[in-house]
């Protein structure tokens, strides 16, 4: 039960961050070349967009996990 609560909270936080920021920007080092004393490095920049429906779905799933309680079968 405790693990489900942690997962639910992480989903809500992740979904909220996705709504606020809308995506992630990243950069990776590409090609590099050295010509005598001159060094050239190419850095590639990219943007990973998080869809609105994914953020809203994560918040909804986290909320449902928090609200729904597991019921043990009758003894």
Protein backbone atom coordinates (compact mmCIF):
# COMPACT_ATOMS: atom_id res chain seq x y z
CA UNK A 1 0.00 0.00 0.00
CA UNK A 2 2.86 2.33 0.81
CA UNK A 3 4.49 1.79 -2.59
CA UNK A 4 1.25 2.67 -4.40
CA UNK A 5 1.03 5.90 -2.45
CA UNK A 6 4.60 6.82 -3.42
CA UNK A 7 3.92 6.00 -7.09
CA UNK A 8 0.73 8.08 -6.99
CA UNK A 9 2.55 11.08 -5.55
CA UNK A 10 5.33 10.75 -8.16
CA UNK A 11 2.73 10.62 -10.95
CA UNK A 12 1.03 13.76 -9.66
CA UNK A 13 4.34 15.62 -9.32
CA UNK A 14 5.52 14.49 -12.77
CA UNK A 15 2.24 15.43 -14.40
CA UNK A 16 2.26 18.85 -12.77
CA UNK A 17 5.83 19.48 -13.91
CA UNK A 18 4.85 18.41 -17.42
CA UNK A 19 2.01 20.94 -17.43
CA UNK A 20 4.17 23.74 -16.07
CA UNK A 21 7.24 23.26 -18.26
CA UNK A 22 5.70 21.58 -21.30
CA UNK A 23 8.87 19.75 -22.24
CA UNK A 24 12.54 19.11 -21.66
CA UNK A 25 15.47 20.73 -23.42
CA UNK A 26 18.64 18.75 -23.83
CA UNK A 27 21.98 19.03 -25.56
CA UNK A 28 24.41 16.35 -26.57
CA UNK A 29 27.92 16.64 -27.83
CA UNK A 30 28.15 15.64 -31.45
CA UNK A 31 31.20 15.70 -33.65
CA UNK A 32 34.56 17.12 -32.70
CA UNK A 33 37.62 17.84 -34.80
CA UNK A 34 41.10 19.10 -34.06
CA UNK A 35 43.05 20.88 -36.73
CA UNK A 36 46.42 21.81 -35.25
CA UNK A 37 45.85 24.32 -32.44
CA UNK A 38 42.16 24.75 -33.32
CA UNK A 39 39.56 22.46 -31.76
CA UNK A 40 35.98 22.46 -33.05
CA UNK A 41 33.08 20.81 -31.23
CA UNK A 42 29.50 20.61 -32.46
CA UNK A 43 26.75 20.55 -29.83
CA UNK A 44 23.32 19.36 -30.91
CA UNK A 45 20.35 20.80 -29.04
CA UNK A 46 16.95 19.20 -28.91
CA UNK A 47 13.57 19.61 -27.34
CA UNK A 48 11.41 16.79 -25.98
CA UNK A 49 7.80 17.96 -25.86
CA UNK A 50 5.52 16.38 -23.26
CA UNK A 51 1.94 16.18 -24.59
CA UNK A 52 -0.80 17.84 -22.58
CA UNK A 53 -2.84 14.63 -22.48
CA UNK A 54 0.09 12.71 -20.97
CA UNK A 55 0.50 15.24 -18.17
CA UNK A 56 -3.22 15.32 -17.44
CA UNK A 57 -3.36 11.51 -17.56
CA UNK A 58 -0.50 11.20 -15.07
CA UNK A 59 -2.24 13.58 -12.67
CA UNK A 60 -5.53 11.69 -13.06
CA UNK A 61 -3.89 8.29 -12.56
CA UNK A 62 -2.03 9.52 -9.47
CA UNK A 63 -5.21 10.96 -8.01
CA UNK A 64 -7.12 7.74 -8.64
CA UNK A 65 -4.36 5.71 -6.98
CA UNK A 66 -4.50 7.98 -3.94
CA UNK A 67 -8.27 7.88 -3.64
CA UNK A 68 -8.92 4.20 -4.30
CA UNK A 69 -8.17 2.01 -1.32
CA UNK A 70 -7.41 -1.65 -1.60
CA UNK A 71 -9.97 -3.79 0.07
CA UNK A 72 -8.88 -7.11 1.44
CA UNK A 73 -11.13 -10.07 0.64
CA UNK A 74 -13.56 -11.08 3.40
CA UNK A 75 -12.27 -13.76 5.72
